[in-house]
Amino acid sequence: MLTSEQNKRITRVSPGTPMGDLLARYWHPIATTGELHDNPVRPVKLLGVPLTLFQDRQGRLGLIQQRCAHRRLDLKWGIPQNDGLRCAYHGWTYDVNGQCIAQPSEPNASRFADKIKLDSYPVEELGGLIWAYIGPAPAPLVPRWRPLVVEGALRHVSTSTIPCNWLQCMENSVDPIHAENLHGHLWRYVVERHGAAIPGTEESIQRLLRKHAKTAYEPYEHGIVKRRLFEGDSEDSLDWQHGHPLIFPNTVTLGGPGLYQMEVRVPVDDTTTWSIIYQAYVPGHGVPVPDQPYLPTFDAPLSEIPDYIGAQDMVAWRDQGAIMDRSAERLGDSDRGLILYRRMLEEQMKVVEDGGEPLNVFRDRTSNHDLGPVAWDYGPIQNHKRGAVYLRTSGPFSPILDDLDDLLAQGAEAAQRGNSDPSPDRSP
């Protein structure tokens, strides 16, 4: 249990707050290349700061203040130009650095534009995600986590906007016990009331209903490893040996043979979280993977009938309240991972307050390579049951669900034929 003041300290994310100042030291995804393909101008908000993301007609990315400096129109109505973004109201145009480069209604000889510059922020693309940094200069490197850079992968991402504070979404990542209840018992009850909408639901429910025999949590170089052992399993099981590492501060990793997965909980503001499930499927065994000019992106809705795993998580996060009151909670032994994570947040906030650099801020390019815990090394796919990928994605919403299923089936078939090169390539 925390005091109300402690709860405020670890949940509020606006600039100038202890948690906001910590989270501002990190790059955060704010969009995907698939979304920019649909619309090259997007309003975004990060850590309570409203911004405009755009891609000019040369393909360059810009991240600038929300409103035009002239008459304050929201630049989400901006028109991409070859060299910037043109305000729809009076034509003032800004380059990717926020500098005003055109004012069509001013005299030809005017140098007024030279004096106008909007705040701008570093923005980069990696792995099909658009990453932003709004903290103090100089910006660190965008971390090259393995799912973002592994070669021979077919990727997609599901996103959801959840009306609650980021921390209750993230605390789920060090709470394995919820799986047997939220994804087991609740799912079974949903099926009882509404019917089974997803093929293989009963098989999945049976697996998720397994009781946890024991759990363990330990710090590692990038965060916390969560381990769990189900009743009837031996300690050489993947869930116990590999675990599910939490990458500090706001990412959890999952996976299995042929799958690298990251789930990122982006703090939009104090009461809004943008949840991202990013998956890279690697068939291995020499199976060719089609090119992806942009990252397929789809919305996983916050359904009132939580008939898939993602929806069950989202309703639990949302219905703890906009900002969960941790002064009223009562924690038990099964909450050891959650207590460890909160302690880590406090430690890293103190590092920043003391003028230091927190965990997972990277500045050395030679070491910023294929980052990730050993727990990601599940190896290539060997077996795949057609239809199983349906349950590993965010319900039935992926636009490339059949492609993923076919690709993993090809990888499993190649493995059974004894392909001599089963390992996925990795980026240099």
Protein backbone atom coordinates (compact mmCIF):
# COMPACT_ATOMS: atom_id res chain seq x y z
CA MET A 1 0.00 0.00 0.00
CA LEU A 2 1.24 3.49 -0.88
CA THR A 3 0.28 6.83 0.58
CA SER A 4 -1.71 9.19 -1.63
CA GLU A 5 1.40 11.33 -2.07
CA GLN A 6 3.53 8.31 -3.06
CA ASN A 7 0.84 7.24 -5.53
CA LYS A 8 0.83 10.69 -7.08
CA ARG A 9 4.61 10.64 -7.37
CA ILE A 10 4.75 7.43 -9.41
CA THR A 11 1.69 8.02 -11.61
CA ARG A 12 1.76 11.66 -12.78
CA VAL A 13 3.72 12.10 -16.01
CA SER A 14 3.54 15.78 -17.02
CA PRO A 15 6.77 17.79 -17.41
CA GLY A 16 8.18 18.82 -14.06
CA THR A 17 6.78 15.86 -12.12
CA PRO A 18 9.25 13.26 -10.77
CA MET A 19 7.87 10.46 -12.96
CA GLY A 20 7.46 12.75 -15.96
CA ASP A 21 11.10 13.81 -15.68
CA LEU A 22 12.20 10.15 -15.50
CA LEU A 23 10.07 9.00 -18.45
CA ALA A 24 11.22 11.97 -20.54
CA ARG A 25 14.73 10.43 -20.56
CA TYR A 26 13.45 7.67 -22.86
CA TRP A 27 12.37 7.32 -26.48
CA HIS A 28 8.70 6.35 -26.81
CA PRO A 29 6.75 5.09 -29.85
CA ILE A 30 4.13 7.63 -30.94
CA ALA A 31 2.94 6.13 -34.26
CA THR A 32 3.70 3.43 -36.81
CA THR A 33 4.76 3.59 -40.44
CA GLY A 34 1.43 1.97 -41.27
CA GLU A 35 -0.42 4.88 -39.67
CA LEU A 36 1.71 7.45 -41.49
CA HIS A 37 1.01 5.57 -44.72
CA ASP A 38 -2.69 6.17 -44.06
CA ASN A 39 -2.21 9.81 -43.05
CA PRO A 40 1.19 11.60 -43.05
CA VAL A 41 0.00 14.21 -40.51
CA ARG A 42 -1.02 13.03 -37.05
CA PRO A 43 -1.83 14.76 -33.78
CA VAL A 44 -0.02 13.00 -30.93
CA LYS A 45 0.44 13.55 -27.23
CA LEU A 46 3.31 12.25 -25.11
CA LEU A 47 3.73 12.75 -21.36
CA GLY A 48 0.97 15.34 -21.46
CA VAL A 49 2.60 17.38 -24.24
CA PRO A 50 0.41 17.88 -27.37
CA LEU A 51 2.41 17.65 -30.61
CA THR A 52 2.12 17.30 -34.38
CA LEU A 53 3.88 14.47 -36.18
CA PHE A 54 4.28 14.76 -39.94
CA GLN A 55 6.17 13.35 -42.89
CA ASP A 56 7.05 15.76 -45.67
CA ARG A 57 6.93 14.79 -49.33
CA GLN A 58 10.62 13.86 -49.27
CA GLY A 59 9.83 11.29 -46.57
CA ARG A 60 11.48 13.21 -43.72
CA LEU A 61 9.87 13.06 -40.26
CA GLY A 62 9.09 16.09 -38.14
CA LEU A 63 7.70 16.44 -34.63
CA ILE A 64 6.72 19.98 -33.68
CA GLN A 65 4.38 21.95 -31.44
CA GLN A 66 0.67 21.34 -31.79
CA ARG A 67 -0.34 24.80 -33.05
CA CYS A 68 0.73 27.26 -35.71
CA ALA A 69 2.55 30.33 -34.33
CA HIS A 70 0.34 32.67 -36.42
CA ARG A 71 -3.32 32.20 -35.45
CA ARG A 72 -2.93 29.01 -33.38
CA LEU A 73 -4.68 26.55 -35.65
CA ASP A 74 -4.07 22.92 -34.72
CA LEU A 75 -1.49 21.66 -37.21
CA LYS A 76 -3.25 18.31 -37.51
CA TRP A 77 -4.89 20.12 -40.45
CA GLY A 78 -1.48 20.81 -41.98
CA ILE A 79 -0.70 20.01 -45.62
CA PRO A 80 2.58 18.17 -46.32
CA GLN A 81 4.95 20.03 -48.64
CA ASN A 82 8.21 18.98 -50.24
CA ASP A 83 10.12 20.80 -47.51
CA GLY A 84 7.75 20.91 -44.55
CA LEU A 85 4.18 21.28 -43.27
CA ARG A 86 1.89 24.09 -44.46
CA CYS A 87 -0.73 25.42 -42.05
CA ALA A 88 -4.17 25.16 -43.64
CA TYR A 89 -5.33 28.53 -42.28
CA HIS A 90 -2.89 31.05 -43.81
CA GLY A 91 -0.13 28.96 -45.36
CA TRP A 92 2.67 29.45 -42.86
CA THR A 93 5.01 26.51 -43.47
CA TYR A 94 7.39 24.81 -41.03
CA ASP A 95 10.29 22.49 -41.77
CA VAL A 96 11.05 19.33 -39.76
CA ASN A 97 13.02 21.42 -37.25
CA GLY A 98 10.06 23.73 -36.59
CA GLN A 99 11.57 26.67 -38.47
CA CYS A 100 9.03 28.79 -40.36
CA ILE A 101 10.16 28.84 -44.00
CA ALA A 102 7.18 30.46 -45.73
CA GLN A 103 4.56 33.13 -44.99
CA PRO A 104 2.63 33.62 -48.26
CA SER A 105 0.68 36.69 -47.07
CA GLU A 106 3.72 38.66 -45.88
CA PRO A 107 5.61 41.07 -48.20
CA ASN A 108 8.09 39.37 -50.53
CA ALA A 109 11.05 41.10 -48.90
CA SER A 110 9.94 40.28 -45.35
CA ARG A 111 12.33 38.38 -43.08
CA PHE A 112 9.60 37.82 -40.48
CA ALA A 113 9.66 34.04 -41.05
CA ASP A 114 13.28 33.87 -39.90
CA LYS A 115 12.13 34.93 -36.42
CA ILE A 116 9.46 32.23 -36.10
CA LYS A 117 10.42 28.76 -34.86
CA LEU A 118 8.20 26.18 -33.19
CA ASP A 119 9.60 23.78 -30.61
CA SER A 120 10.71 20.58 -32.31
CA TYR A 121 11.78 17.21 -30.97
CA PRO A 122 13.92 14.30 -32.17
CA VAL A 123 11.94 11.66 -34.05
CA GLU A 124 13.18 8.45 -35.71
CA GLU A 125 11.83 5.30 -37.34
CA LEU A 126 13.01 1.89 -36.17
CA GLY A 127 11.32 -1.45 -36.77
CA GLY A 128 8.30 0.21 -38.33
CA LEU A 129 7.61 2.27 -35.21
CA ILE A 130 8.01 6.05 -35.04
CA TRP A 131 9.94 6.97 -31.89
CA ALA A 132 10.02 10.37 -30.17
CA TYR A 133 12.21 11.91 -27.50
CA ILE A 134 11.05 15.01 -25.60
CA GLY A 135 13.61 15.05 -22.78
CA PRO A 136 16.73 17.13 -22.19
CA ALA A 137 19.43 17.30 -24.87
CA PRO A 138 21.44 15.55 -26.04
CA ALA A 139 19.07 12.75 -26.97
CA PRO A 140 20.29 9.20 -26.32
CA LEU A 141 20.16 6.46 -28.95
CA VAL A 142 16.94 4.67 -29.83
CA PRO A 143 17.49 1.22 -28.25
CA ARG A 144 17.78 -1.54 -30.82
CA TRP A 145 15.78 -4.21 -29.02
CA ARG A 146 15.83 -7.52 -30.84
CA PRO A 147 12.19 -7.62 -32.11
CA LEU A 148 12.82 -4.30 -33.85
CA VAL A 149 15.93 -5.43 -35.72
CA VAL A 150 15.78 -9.22 -36.12
CA GLU A 151 15.96 -10.17 -39.79
CA GLY A 152 13.80 -12.69 -41.59
CA ALA A 153 10.68 -11.57 -39.71
CA LEU A 154 7.12 -10.69 -40.69
CA ARG A 155 5.92 -7.98 -38.32
CA HIS A 156 2.67 -6.43 -37.29
CA VAL A 157 1.39 -4.33 -34.42
CA SER A 158 -1.91 -3.85 -32.61
CA THR A 159 -2.65 -0.65 -30.74
CA SER A 160 -5.29 0.40 -28.21
CA THR A 161 -5.99 3.68 -26.46
CA ILE A 162 -7.02 3.02 -22.87
CA PRO A 163 -8.59 5.68 -20.63
CA CYS A 164 -6.43 5.10 -17.57
CA ASN A 165 -3.01 5.80 -16.12
CA TRP A 166 0.00 4.04 -17.66
CA LEU A 167 1.17 2.45 -14.41
CA GLN A 168 -1.78 0.14 -13.83
CA CYS A 169 -1.25 -1.17 -17.36
CA MET A 170 2.45 -1.69 -16.69
CA GLU A 171 2.06 -3.27 -13.24
CA ASN A 172 0.19 -6.08 -14.98
CA SER A 173 3.59 -7.11 -16.37
CA VAL A 174 4.89 -8.26 -12.98
CA ASP A 175 1.63 -9.92 -11.94
CA PRO A 176 1.55 -13.45 -13.42
CA ILE A 177 -1.20 -14.67 -11.10
CA HIS A 178 -3.78 -12.62 -12.98
CA ALA A 179 -3.46 -14.99 -15.96
CA GLU A 180 -5.27 -17.95 -14.38
CA ASN A 181 -8.06 -15.68 -13.18
CA LEU A 182 -8.51 -12.94 -15.78
CA HIS A 183 -7.61 -15.08 -18.81
CA GLY A 184 -8.85 -18.37 -17.39
CA HIS A 185 -11.88 -18.05 -15.13
CA LEU A 186 -13.21 -14.79 -16.59
CA TRP A 187 -12.78 -16.02 -20.18
CA ARG A 188 -14.65 -19.22 -19.34
CA TYR A 189 -17.47 -17.15 -17.84
CA VAL A 190 -17.58 -14.89 -20.93
CA VAL A 191 -17.86 -17.98 -23.13
CA GLU A 192 -20.60 -19.34 -20.87
CA ARG A 193 -22.60 -16.13 -21.25
CA HIS A 194 -21.82 -15.11 -24.84
CA GLY A 195 -20.46 -18.17 -26.64
CA ALA A 196 -16.99 -18.97 -27.95
CA ALA A 197 -16.05 -16.51 -30.68
CA ILE A 198 -12.49 -17.71 -31.28
CA PRO A 199 -11.50 -21.16 -32.60
CA GLY A 200 -9.57 -23.11 -29.99
CA THR A 201 -10.96 -21.05 -27.11
CA GLU A 202 -11.64 -24.00 -24.80
CA GLU A 203 -8.14 -25.39 -25.33
CA SER A 204 -6.65 -22.01 -24.50
CA ILE A 205 -8.84 -21.59 -21.43
CA GLN A 206 -7.75 -24.97 -20.10
CA ARG A 207 -4.12 -23.95 -20.51
CA LEU A 208 -4.69 -20.58 -18.84
CA LEU A 209 -6.59 -22.08 -15.90
CA ARG A 210 -3.45 -23.85 -14.71
CA LYS A 211 -2.57 -22.83 -11.17
CA HIS A 212 0.79 -21.23 -10.42
CA ALA A 213 2.89 -23.48 -8.19
CA LYS A 214 5.43 -20.71 -7.59
CA THR A 215 6.68 -17.41 -8.97
CA ALA A 216 10.00 -15.60 -8.82
CA TYR A 217 11.17 -12.07 -9.66
CA GLU A 218 14.73 -10.88 -10.03
CA PRO A 219 16.43 -7.73 -11.31
CA TYR A 220 18.62 -8.06 -14.40
CA GLU A 221 20.61 -5.58 -16.46
CA HIS A 222 17.58 -4.16 -18.30
CA GLY A 223 14.82 -4.51 -15.72
CA ILE A 224 13.08 -7.45 -14.03
CA VAL A 225 12.67 -11.10 -15.03
CA LYS A 226 9.35 -12.63 -14.00
CA ARG A 227 9.33 -16.44 -13.74
CA ARG A 228 6.41 -18.76 -13.12
CA LEU A 229 6.02 -22.49 -12.65
CA PHE A 230 2.65 -24.09 -13.24
CA GLU A 231 1.46 -27.09 -11.29
CA GLY A 232 2.52 -30.25 -13.09
CA ASP A 233 5.44 -28.59 -14.93
CA SER A 234 9.11 -29.19 -14.24
CA GLU A 235 11.63 -26.43 -13.66
CA ASP A 236 13.05 -26.85 -17.16
CA SER A 237 9.86 -25.32 -18.60
CA LEU A 238 10.23 -22.16 -20.69
CA ASP A 239 8.11 -20.08 -18.31
CA TRP A 240 10.49 -20.89 -15.47
CA GLN A 241 13.82 -20.96 -17.32
CA HIS A 242 13.21 -18.04 -19.69
CA GLY A 243 10.55 -16.05 -17.91
CA HIS A 244 8.98 -12.85 -19.20
CA PRO A 245 11.44 -9.96 -18.84
CA LEU A 246 10.20 -6.45 -18.09
CA ILE A 247 12.33 -3.87 -19.87
CA PHE A 248 12.46 -0.76 -17.70
CA PRO A 249 10.53 1.48 -17.64
CA ASN A 250 7.43 0.58 -19.70
CA THR A 251 7.91 -2.53 -21.85
CA VAL A 252 7.28 -6.22 -21.23
CA THR A 253 8.53 -9.01 -23.49
CA LEU A 254 6.97 -12.32 -24.41
CA GLY A 255 7.80 -14.90 -27.01
CA GLY A 256 8.31 -18.47 -27.99
CA PRO A 257 9.81 -20.42 -30.87
CA GLY A 258 9.46 -18.23 -33.96
CA LEU A 259 8.07 -15.19 -32.10
CA TYR A 260 9.63 -12.07 -30.59
CA GLN A 261 7.08 -9.84 -28.86
CA MET A 262 7.21 -6.49 -27.07
CA GLU A 263 4.31 -4.78 -25.32
CA VAL A 264 4.84 -1.05 -24.73
CA ARG A 265 2.61 1.09 -22.53
CA VAL A 266 3.07 4.67 -23.69
CA PRO A 267 2.05 7.38 -21.18
CA VAL A 268 -0.01 9.79 -23.28
CA ASP A 269 -1.04 11.82 -20.25
CA ASP A 270 -2.03 11.14 -16.64
CA THR A 271 -5.23 9.30 -17.58
CA THR A 272 -4.54 7.93 -21.09
CA THR A 273 -2.28 5.08 -22.20
CA TRP A 274 -1.43 4.02 -25.74
CA SER A 275 -0.87 0.27 -25.57
CA ILE A 276 1.19 -1.39 -28.30
CA ILE A 277 1.61 -5.12 -28.93
CA TYR A 278 4.51 -5.50 -31.37
CA GLN A 279 5.19 -8.94 -32.85
CA ALA A 280 7.98 -10.19 -35.10
CA TYR A 281 7.34 -13.71 -36.46
CA VAL A 282 10.45 -15.55 -37.68
CA PRO A 283 9.80 -18.83 -39.54
CA GLY A 284 13.53 -19.57 -39.93
CA HIS A 285 14.72 -22.65 -41.82
CA GLY A 286 15.35 -20.62 -44.98
CA VAL A 287 11.67 -19.74 -45.46
CA PRO A 288 11.47 -16.46 -47.44
CA VAL A 289 9.57 -13.60 -45.81
CA PRO A 290 7.75 -11.04 -47.98
CA ASP A 291 8.89 -7.41 -47.91
CA GLN A 292 6.89 -5.01 -45.78
CA PRO A 293 7.02 -1.43 -47.10
CA TYR A 294 5.32 -0.31 -43.89
CA LEU A 295 4.25 -1.91 -40.64
CA PRO A 296 0.72 -3.39 -40.74
CA THR A 297 -1.17 -1.69 -37.94
CA PHE A 298 -4.60 -2.46 -36.56
CA ASP A 299 -6.78 -1.39 -33.69
CA ALA A 300 -7.68 -3.86 -30.96
CA PRO A 301 -10.90 -2.41 -29.54
CA LEU A 302 -11.68 -2.11 -25.85
CA SER A 303 -14.60 -4.52 -25.99
CA GLU A 304 -17.30 -4.76 -23.35
CA ILE A 305 -17.35 -8.49 -24.09
CA PRO A 306 -13.73 -9.43 -23.31
CA ASP A 307 -13.51 -12.52 -25.49
CA TYR A 308 -9.77 -12.36 -26.23
CA ILE A 309 -6.73 -11.95 -24.00
CA GLY A 310 -5.95 -8.34 -24.89
CA ALA A 311 -9.51 -7.20 -24.14
CA GLN A 312 -9.42 -8.94 -20.77
CA ASP A 313 -6.27 -7.02 -19.82
CA MET A 314 -7.68 -3.72 -21.05
CA VAL A 315 -10.93 -3.91 -19.09
CA ALA A 316 -8.99 -4.79 -15.94
CA TRP A 317 -6.67 -1.81 -16.37
CA ARG A 318 -9.46 0.63 -17.21
CA ASP A 319 -11.80 -0.48 -14.47
CA GLN A 320 -9.28 0.05 -11.69
CA GLY A 321 -10.15 3.71 -12.22
CA ALA A 322 -8.60 6.53 -14.23
CA ILE A 323 -5.73 6.61 -11.71
CA MET A 324 -5.80 3.65 -9.36
CA ASP A 325 -5.93 4.57 -5.66
CA ARG A 326 -3.00 2.57 -4.30
CA SER A 327 -3.60 3.92 -0.80
CA ALA A 328 -6.66 1.64 -0.64
CA GLU A 329 -5.08 -1.58 -1.96
CA ARG A 330 -4.01 -4.54 0.15
CA LEU A 331 -1.02 -6.45 -1.20
CA GLY A 332 -0.10 -10.07 -0.48
CA ASP A 333 2.82 -12.42 -1.05
CA SER A 334 1.86 -12.88 -4.72
CA ASP A 335 2.54 -9.16 -5.27
CA ARG A 336 6.31 -9.39 -4.71
CA GLY A 337 7.04 -8.54 -8.35
CA LEU A 338 4.85 -5.46 -8.22
CA ILE A 339 6.61 -4.23 -5.06
CA LEU A 340 10.02 -4.78 -6.72
CA TYR A 341 8.95 -2.80 -9.79
CA ARG A 342 7.66 0.12 -7.71
CA ARG A 343 10.93 0.16 -5.78
CA MET A 344 12.85 0.26 -9.08
CA LEU A 345 10.74 3.21 -10.26
CA GLU A 346 11.53 5.10 -7.06
CA GLU A 347 15.25 4.31 -7.34
CA GLN A 348 15.44 5.55 -10.93
CA MET A 349 13.42 8.71 -10.20
CA LYS A 350 15.97 9.46 -7.47
CA VAL A 351 18.82 8.92 -9.95
CA VAL A 352 17.33 11.58 -12.23
CA GLU A 353 16.63 13.96 -9.35
CA ASP A 354 20.29 13.64 -8.36
CA GLY A 355 21.41 14.55 -11.88
CA GLY A 356 22.26 11.02 -13.05
CA GLU A 357 21.21 8.95 -16.05
CA PRO A 358 18.65 6.20 -15.45
CA LEU A 359 18.62 2.54 -16.49
CA ASN A 360 18.41 1.69 -20.22
CA VAL A 361 19.61 5.03 -21.58
CA PHE A 362 22.06 4.14 -24.36
CA ARG A 363 24.72 6.39 -25.87
CA ASP A 364 27.38 3.95 -27.11
CA ARG A 365 26.61 2.85 -30.67
CA THR A 366 28.93 -0.15 -30.44
CA SER A 367 26.88 -1.68 -27.62
CA ASN A 368 23.45 -0.60 -28.94
CA HIS A 369 23.07 -3.78 -30.99
CA ASP A 370 20.50 -6.59 -30.89
CA LEU A 371 19.62 -5.73 -27.31
CA GLY A 372 17.57 -8.14 -25.30
CA PRO A 373 17.52 -10.66 -22.49
CA VAL A 374 18.62 -14.25 -22.90
CA ALA A 375 14.97 -15.09 -22.33
CA TRP A 376 14.29 -14.16 -25.95
CA ASP A 377 16.44 -17.02 -27.23
CA TYR A 378 13.65 -19.55 -27.68
CA GLY A 379 15.10 -20.70 -30.99
CA PRO A 380 13.36 -21.18 -34.34
CA ILE A 381 9.94 -22.66 -34.78
CA GLN A 382 9.79 -26.46 -34.97
CA ASN A 383 6.07 -27.18 -34.72
CA HIS A 384 3.04 -25.11 -35.61
CA LYS A 385 -0.61 -26.01 -35.43
CA ARG A 386 -2.56 -24.09 -38.07
CA GLY A 387 -4.88 -21.63 -36.41
CA ALA A 388 -2.69 -21.27 -33.32
CA VAL A 389 -1.44 -17.85 -34.39
CA TYR A 390 -5.03 -16.66 -34.11
CA LEU A 391 -4.72 -16.89 -30.34
CA ARG A 392 -1.27 -15.28 -30.16
CA THR A 393 -2.42 -12.03 -31.74
CA SER A 394 -4.87 -9.44 -30.43
CA GLY A 395 -7.97 -11.43 -31.16
CA PRO A 396 -9.35 -11.65 -34.71
CA PHE A 397 -8.32 -8.17 -35.84
CA SER A 398 -4.97 -8.60 -37.60
CA PRO A 399 -5.10 -7.86 -41.35
CA ILE A 400 -2.31 -10.38 -42.01
CA LEU A 401 -3.50 -13.20 -39.77
CA ASP A 402 -3.61 -15.77 -42.58
CA ASP A 403 -0.18 -14.69 -43.84
CA LEU A 404 1.32 -15.22 -40.38
CA ASP A 405 -0.32 -18.61 -40.05
CA ASP A 406 0.97 -19.72 -43.46
CA LEU A 407 4.48 -18.45 -42.76
CA LEU A 408 4.83 -20.31 -39.47
CA ALA A 409 3.38 -23.45 -41.03
CA GLN A 410 6.03 -23.24 -43.77
CA GLY A 411 8.73 -22.84 -41.11
CA ALA A 412 7.51 -25.91 -39.22
CA GLU A 413 7.29 -27.96 -42.42
CA ALA A 414 10.85 -26.93 -43.35
CA ALA A 415 12.05 -27.93 -39.88
CA GLN A 416 10.48 -31.35 -40.26
CA ARG A 417 12.26 -31.76 -43.60
CA GLY A 418 15.54 -31.13 -41.77
CA ASN A 419 16.53 -27.78 -43.28
CA SER A 420 20.22 -27.26 -42.55
CA ASP A 421 19.94 -23.59 -41.53
CA PRO A 422 17.23 -23.26 -38.90
CA SER A 423 18.44 -20.07 -37.24
CA PRO A 424 16.96 -16.65 -38.03
CA ASP A 425 19.36 -14.02 -39.30
CA ARG A 426 19.95 -11.00 -37.13
CA SER A 427 20.81 -7.51 -38.19
CA PRO A 428 24.47 -6.53 -38.08
